[in-house]
Each structure stands twice: as structure tokens, then as C-alpha cells.
Amino acid sequence: MNKYIKIYKRHITEISRMLDAISNLTGLSAVWKSTNGKAADASLPSHQSLHCNPFCRKVKAHEKLIKRCSHNDCVSVIRKAEKQRRPFLNRCHAGVTELIVPLFIDDALDSVIFIGPFRRGNAKQIFGALEYESLEKYDAKKIEAARSIISTLSSFILENRENFIRSEIAGKVKNRKMQTALGFINANYRKALQASDVAEFCGLSVSRFVHLFKDECGIGFSDFLKERRIEEAKKLLEATDMKIYDVASRCGFSGQCYFGLVFRKQTGISPFCYRKKHGKNIAP
């Protein structure tokens, strides 16, 4: 396991702790999902990536209803989040309400945090009355306080997710310009990033940057960038049902064919086979 992967796993632990802190502050479950409604990260505990409360489990025991749950998380909530662009209350098909906190990166919706569910008013549909009654009742003052707390914490979570790895790696690199380079790479690896872009940002010639990067980091710039992108792609293949070409695009690859070649070289198998072997059939 390379240094980056070890650091990333430590980061996921920190994210999990922060989600637990949200739950402790609000008394409600905190679930983090990506913009396609699937688990934001396969490494998160199930109670932080899935709706695992007794009521939701009762609803999802019905084959037809689980499809409606999926539509709620994968389509309805995402559309509302992109439109609202701020925390809002969402009532699902089963009659329970959650506080939805959208998270944005560069003005694009990246993921959402679901807080709840809780009882609010007279639900049109109640599946599992006993489980429904066990849910916390809606309290306007408490939810408003939670909204403020969660908005602040979620901003920190998102910033931490982007910065944690680069800061930890940068901490092991003594050269300040290379610390800057690592930060820039980890903030922009999804883009069509070239060595010249990083060199210019650091105020170095391309040749000097390439030499210094390998000397300080122990790996060439191109290889580091590929590893960063492939590790992100592996997480998406494991935890989501995104199309492979969408995974390639999201991780900064110019096309699906090139992505497949790089992925096979790094892992020994194709993206399709990797998903078949490691993918999790995660219900919403």
C-alpha cells in the first residue's frame, strides 16, 4: 500500500468522526452520499453511507418501495439540491422528513448529507407504524439549530476532504514549492492537468519542476497524477453505478479508452472487471 492510500484511509477515519459528531450534536443520523445517490466513499461505515435506521430498513424490505427509495436519493434529492443550493427539508415517498445539506466544489454539486429521518405532521404513507413512531419528532427550533451547525461542519468536511491528503503528504516534503505543487495537484487532478500548469503555478521551469518533484516525492509527476486519478476511479467503481466513461471523465482522463489502458496497467484488470470483482451492490 503506497503512502497516498495510507493517508487517504486516515482521512476517511476523520470524516467518519465528523459525521459522528454531527449525529451526536443533533441526535439524528448523518448519511453522506455522492451526487448519484450512492455511497460517497466505500470506506465509510454503512450507517454513514446508507439509510440503516429501522424505519428505512422496513420500507426497503418491499421490492417496489426500495426502487422509490433509490429514486428519492439518486434523482429527486439531487435535483432539489442543485436547484436550492442551500440546506432544505425533504419529505420522501414513505412520509418521513430529512434535512438535506448540499456540498459544492467549484460551484458544482459534489455530494449531499442526509440528516434524519424524523417524523413531521401526518404522513400520507406509513410503512411500519412501530418503526415510524420510534423516529424522533420534528422540532423546528432543534432542526434550525442543526441546520446552522451542519452547514458550518459540512463546509469544513468538504474543505478537509480536499485538503487533508495534500497537507499530510506536503508535511513529509521539505521543499516549499513542492508542498505548493502537491496542493495544486490534489485540488486540480480532475482537470486536464499538465506539468507545465503546475510548474507555472509554482514559479518554476518545467524541467526544474519535474526534477524537483521526483527528487522530493520519490515518484514522477505523471505517475503521481495517474495514481491519484486511478485511486479515485477505484472508489467510484466500487461504490457507485456510474458509467465507466463518466468515471473516466470525473477523474481527469481524456477518454474511456485511455482510462482503460492506464487502469489495466495500474491494477492488472479492466475497469469493468474491477467493478465486477470489488463493486458493492449498495441499496440507497
Protein backbone atom coordinates (compact mmCIF):
# COMPACT_ATOMS: atom_id res chain seq x y z
CA MET A 1 0.00 0.00 0.00
CA ASN A 2 1.58 3.31 -1.04
CA LYS A 3 1.83 6.39 1.15
CA TYR A 4 -1.10 8.10 -0.51
CA ILE A 5 -3.52 5.23 0.17
CA LYS A 6 -2.49 5.04 3.82
CA ILE A 7 -3.09 8.77 4.20
CA TYR A 8 -6.44 8.56 2.44
CA LYS A 9 -7.63 5.86 4.82
CA ARG A 10 -6.68 8.09 7.73
CA HIS A 11 -8.70 10.86 6.11
CA ILE A 12 -11.80 8.66 5.87
CA THR A 13 -11.48 7.97 9.59
CA GLU A 14 -11.51 11.72 10.24
CA ILE A 15 -14.57 12.17 8.01
CA SER A 16 -16.35 9.37 9.87
CA ARG A 17 -15.60 11.03 13.19
CA MET A 18 -17.01 14.32 11.96
CA LEU A 19 -20.21 12.64 10.78
CA ASP A 20 -20.48 11.01 14.19
CA ALA A 21 -20.06 14.45 15.74
CA ILE A 22 -22.97 15.74 13.66
CA SER A 23 -25.10 12.83 14.87
CA ASN A 24 -24.12 13.46 18.48
CA LEU A 25 -24.96 17.15 18.19
CA THR A 26 -28.34 16.65 16.51
CA GLY A 27 -29.43 13.24 17.79
CA LEU A 28 -30.08 12.27 14.16
CA SER A 29 -28.29 10.00 11.70
CA ALA A 30 -25.87 11.61 9.24
CA VAL A 31 -25.51 9.91 5.84
CA TRP A 32 -23.11 11.17 3.17
CA LYS A 33 -23.82 10.36 -0.48
CA SER A 34 -22.34 11.46 -3.79
CA THR A 35 -24.35 13.25 -6.45
CA ASN A 36 -25.57 10.00 -7.98
CA GLY A 37 -27.10 8.93 -4.68
CA LYS A 38 -24.66 6.14 -3.92
CA ALA A 39 -22.21 5.90 -1.04
CA ALA A 40 -19.79 8.81 -1.12
CA ASP A 41 -16.97 6.50 -0.16
CA ALA A 42 -16.89 2.73 0.15
CA SER A 43 -14.64 3.03 3.19
CA LEU A 44 -17.26 4.81 5.31
CA PRO A 45 -19.21 2.66 7.81
CA SER A 46 -22.59 1.52 6.49
CA HIS A 47 -24.53 3.70 8.94
CA GLN A 48 -22.83 6.75 7.41
CA SER A 49 -23.31 5.78 3.77
CA LEU A 50 -26.72 4.05 3.85
CA HIS A 51 -30.11 4.66 5.44
CA CYS A 52 -29.85 1.97 8.10
CA ASN A 53 -32.44 3.09 10.66
CA PRO A 54 -35.25 0.59 11.48
CA PHE A 55 -37.91 2.56 9.60
CA CYS A 56 -35.92 2.76 6.35
CA ARG A 57 -34.98 -0.91 6.60
CA LYS A 58 -38.67 -1.75 6.99
CA VAL A 59 -39.58 0.26 3.91
CA LYS A 60 -36.74 -1.20 1.82
CA ALA A 61 -37.86 -4.72 2.67
CA HIS A 62 -40.52 -4.19 -0.03
CA GLU A 63 -39.10 -4.70 -3.53
CA LYS A 64 -41.19 -1.96 -5.13
CA LEU A 65 -40.55 0.54 -2.37
CA ILE A 66 -36.77 0.18 -2.48
CA LYS A 67 -36.92 1.44 -6.08
CA ARG A 68 -38.73 4.53 -4.86
CA CYS A 69 -36.07 4.97 -2.18
CA SER A 70 -33.43 4.82 -4.89
CA HIS A 71 -35.27 7.40 -6.99
CA ASN A 72 -35.54 9.69 -3.97
CA ASP A 73 -31.80 9.59 -3.25
CA CYS A 74 -30.47 9.35 -6.80
CA VAL A 75 -32.82 11.72 -8.60
CA SER A 76 -35.27 13.77 -6.54
CA VAL A 77 -32.92 14.95 -3.79
CA ILE A 78 -30.09 15.67 -6.23
CA ARG A 79 -32.32 17.79 -8.45
CA LYS A 80 -33.62 19.73 -5.46
CA ALA A 81 -30.10 20.21 -4.10
CA GLU A 82 -28.85 21.60 -7.41
CA LYS A 83 -31.81 23.99 -7.53
CA GLN A 84 -31.92 25.02 -3.87
CA ARG A 85 -28.14 25.26 -3.37
CA ARG A 86 -28.63 25.51 0.39
CA PRO A 87 -29.87 23.22 3.20
CA PHE A 88 -33.55 22.26 2.87
CA LEU A 89 -36.13 19.85 4.28
CA ASN A 90 -37.14 16.93 2.08
CA ARG A 91 -40.09 14.61 2.61
CA CYS A 92 -39.67 11.23 0.94
CA HIS A 93 -42.30 8.91 -0.51
CA ALA A 94 -42.54 6.98 2.77
CA GLY A 95 -43.65 10.07 4.66
CA VAL A 96 -40.56 10.91 6.70
CA THR A 97 -38.53 14.11 6.53
CA GLU A 98 -34.78 14.72 6.35
CA LEU A 99 -32.59 17.80 6.39
CA ILE A 100 -30.55 17.85 3.18
CA VAL A 101 -27.22 19.69 3.17
CA PRO A 102 -25.72 20.09 -0.35
CA LEU A 103 -21.92 20.21 -0.70
CA PHE A 104 -20.39 22.06 -3.64
CA ILE A 105 -16.93 22.07 -5.23
CA ASP A 106 -16.19 24.90 -7.66
CA ASP A 107 -19.92 25.70 -7.90
CA ALA A 108 -20.75 22.09 -8.88
CA LEU A 109 -22.77 19.82 -6.61
CA ASP A 110 -20.39 17.15 -5.31
CA SER A 111 -22.38 15.35 -2.61
CA VAL A 112 -25.14 15.71 -0.04
CA ILE A 113 -25.50 14.97 3.65
CA PHE A 114 -28.84 13.48 4.75
CA ILE A 115 -29.76 14.31 8.36
CA GLY A 116 -32.63 12.28 9.80
CA PRO A 117 -35.15 10.95 9.21
CA PHE A 118 -37.70 12.35 11.64
CA ARG A 119 -41.50 12.48 11.97
CA ARG A 120 -43.25 15.60 10.78
CA GLY A 121 -47.03 16.07 10.59
CA ASN A 122 -49.38 13.37 9.32
CA ALA A 123 -47.57 11.26 6.76
CA LYS A 124 -49.58 10.21 3.74
CA GLN A 125 -47.99 6.77 3.77
CA ILE A 126 -46.78 4.93 6.82
CA PHE A 127 -44.87 1.68 6.34
CA GLY A 128 -44.08 0.07 9.63
CA ALA A 129 -46.06 2.11 12.16
CA LEU A 130 -44.00 0.91 15.11
CA GLU A 131 -40.72 1.85 13.43
CA TYR A 132 -42.20 5.18 12.37
CA GLU A 133 -43.21 6.05 15.92
CA SER A 134 -39.67 5.30 17.08
CA LEU A 135 -38.32 8.14 14.93
CA GLU A 136 -37.61 11.47 16.56
CA LYS A 137 -40.42 14.00 16.18
CA TYR A 138 -39.83 17.18 14.20
CA ASP A 139 -38.79 20.11 16.37
CA ALA A 140 -38.49 23.38 14.42
CA LYS A 141 -36.07 25.03 16.84
CA LYS A 142 -33.85 21.97 17.05
CA ILE A 143 -33.80 21.49 13.28
CA GLU A 144 -33.00 25.16 12.70
CA ALA A 145 -30.12 24.91 15.16
CA ALA A 146 -28.98 21.70 13.46
CA ARG A 147 -29.18 23.40 10.06
CA SER A 148 -26.76 26.10 11.21
CA ILE A 149 -24.38 23.65 12.88
CA ILE A 150 -24.37 21.23 9.96
CA SER A 151 -23.84 23.96 7.36
CA THR A 152 -20.69 25.02 9.18
CA LEU A 153 -19.44 21.48 9.75
CA SER A 154 -20.23 20.34 6.21
CA SER A 155 -18.17 23.19 4.78
CA PHE A 156 -15.29 22.05 6.96
CA ILE A 157 -15.84 18.43 5.92
CA LEU A 158 -15.64 19.31 2.25
CA GLU A 159 -12.58 21.50 2.67
CA ASN A 160 -10.96 18.84 4.83
CA ARG A 161 -11.64 16.15 2.25
CA GLU A 162 -9.85 18.16 -0.42
CA ASN A 163 -7.01 19.38 1.77
CA PHE A 164 -6.27 16.52 4.15
CA ILE A 165 -4.28 14.35 1.78
CA ARG A 166 -2.30 17.17 0.26
CA SER A 167 -1.43 18.63 3.66
CA GLU A 168 -0.34 15.27 5.06
CA ILE A 169 1.82 14.49 2.05
CA ALA A 170 3.11 18.04 1.90
CA GLY A 171 4.11 17.71 5.54
CA LYS A 172 6.57 14.99 4.54
CA VAL A 173 8.02 17.10 1.73
CA LYS A 174 10.53 19.71 2.87
CA ASN A 175 10.67 21.88 -0.24
CA ARG A 176 8.02 24.61 -0.02
CA LYS A 177 7.49 24.80 -3.76
CA MET A 178 6.79 21.07 -3.85
CA GLN A 179 4.35 21.44 -0.98
CA THR A 180 2.59 24.03 -3.11
CA ALA A 181 2.73 21.70 -6.11
CA LEU A 182 1.14 18.82 -4.19
CA GLY A 183 -1.65 21.05 -3.00
CA PHE A 184 -2.28 22.31 -6.52
CA ILE A 185 -2.30 18.78 -7.97
CA ASN A 186 -4.73 17.40 -5.40
CA ALA A 187 -7.05 20.36 -5.93
CA ASN A 188 -6.99 20.08 -9.74
CA TYR A 189 -6.36 16.43 -10.65
CA ARG A 190 -9.86 16.16 -12.18
CA LYS A 191 -8.85 18.71 -14.82
CA ALA A 192 -6.60 18.32 -17.87
CA LEU A 193 -3.53 18.98 -15.75
CA GLN A 194 -0.06 19.21 -17.28
CA ALA A 195 3.38 19.51 -15.68
CA SER A 196 3.62 22.96 -17.24
CA ASP A 197 0.49 24.08 -15.36
CA VAL A 198 1.93 23.04 -12.01
CA ALA A 199 5.37 24.43 -12.84
CA GLU A 200 3.88 27.82 -13.76
CA PHE A 201 1.81 27.87 -10.57
CA CYS A 202 4.96 27.18 -8.54
CA GLY A 203 7.08 29.70 -10.43
CA LEU A 204 9.45 27.07 -11.83
CA SER A 205 10.59 25.98 -15.26
CA VAL A 206 9.05 22.69 -16.38
CA SER A 207 12.39 20.86 -16.32
CA ARG A 208 13.22 22.14 -12.84
CA PHE A 209 9.76 21.24 -11.55
CA VAL A 210 9.87 17.69 -12.96
CA HIS A 211 13.32 17.06 -11.47
CA LEU A 212 12.47 18.56 -8.09
CA PHE A 213 9.14 16.76 -7.83
CA LYS A 214 10.66 13.32 -8.34
CA ASP A 215 13.55 14.10 -6.02
CA GLU A 216 11.25 15.27 -3.19
CA CYS A 217 8.30 12.91 -3.65
CA GLY A 218 10.07 9.78 -4.80
CA ILE A 219 7.77 9.44 -7.82
CA GLY A 220 7.49 11.24 -11.14
CA PHE A 221 4.77 13.84 -11.70
CA SER A 222 2.95 11.84 -14.39
CA ASP A 223 2.96 8.66 -12.32
CA PHE A 224 1.76 10.51 -9.22
CA LEU A 225 -1.08 12.11 -11.17
CA LYS A 226 -2.11 8.75 -12.66
CA GLU A 227 -2.09 7.10 -9.23
CA ARG A 228 -4.20 9.91 -7.78
CA ARG A 229 -6.75 9.57 -10.57
CA ILE A 230 -6.82 5.77 -10.51
CA GLU A 231 -7.39 5.61 -6.76
CA GLU A 232 -10.35 7.97 -7.14
CA ALA A 233 -11.64 5.87 -10.05
CA LYS A 234 -11.38 2.67 -7.99
CA LYS A 235 -13.54 4.19 -5.27
CA LEU A 236 -16.18 5.24 -7.79
CA LEU A 237 -16.18 1.82 -9.45
CA GLU A 238 -16.54 0.11 -6.08
CA ALA A 239 -19.22 2.30 -4.57
CA THR A 240 -21.29 3.70 -7.45
CA ASP A 241 -23.01 2.59 -10.64
CA MET A 242 -21.61 5.48 -12.70
CA LYS A 243 -20.93 4.66 -16.33
CA ILE A 244 -17.27 3.88 -16.92
CA TYR A 245 -16.87 6.82 -19.30
CA ASP A 246 -18.33 9.09 -16.61
CA VAL A 247 -15.84 7.72 -14.09
CA ALA A 248 -13.03 8.40 -16.56
CA SER A 249 -14.20 11.96 -17.13
CA ARG A 250 -14.73 12.70 -13.44
CA CYS A 251 -11.22 11.51 -12.61
CA GLY A 252 -9.50 13.64 -15.22
CA PHE A 253 -8.94 11.16 -18.06
CA SER A 254 -9.33 12.40 -21.62
CA GLY A 255 -11.30 9.36 -22.78
CA GLN A 256 -12.59 5.94 -21.80
CA CYS A 257 -10.05 4.04 -23.91
CA TYR A 258 -7.07 5.82 -22.40
CA PHE A 259 -8.57 5.42 -18.95
CA GLY A 260 -8.93 1.68 -19.56
CA LEU A 261 -5.31 1.35 -20.63
CA VAL A 262 -3.98 3.23 -17.61
CA PHE A 263 -6.31 1.41 -15.24
CA ARG A 264 -5.28 -2.01 -16.54
CA LYS A 265 -1.60 -1.09 -16.28
CA GLN A 266 -2.04 0.08 -12.67
CA THR A 267 -4.31 -2.72 -11.44
CA GLY A 268 -3.82 -5.61 -13.85
CA ILE A 269 -7.51 -5.72 -14.82
CA SER A 270 -10.00 -3.59 -16.73
CA PRO A 271 -12.35 -1.12 -15.00
CA PHE A 272 -15.29 -3.40 -15.86
CA CYS A 273 -13.65 -6.44 -14.27
CA TYR A 274 -12.57 -4.41 -11.26
CA ARG A 275 -16.15 -3.29 -10.64
CA LYS A 276 -17.42 -6.84 -11.11
CA LYS A 277 -14.91 -8.11 -8.55
CA HIS A 278 -14.98 -5.29 -5.98
CA GLY A 279 -18.22 -3.41 -6.61
CA LYS A 280 -20.78 -3.27 -3.84
CA ASN A 281 -24.45 -3.62 -4.70
CA ILE A 282 -25.39 -0.81 -2.37
CA ALA A 283 -29.04 -0.07 -1.86
CA PRO A 284 -29.82 3.56 -1.19
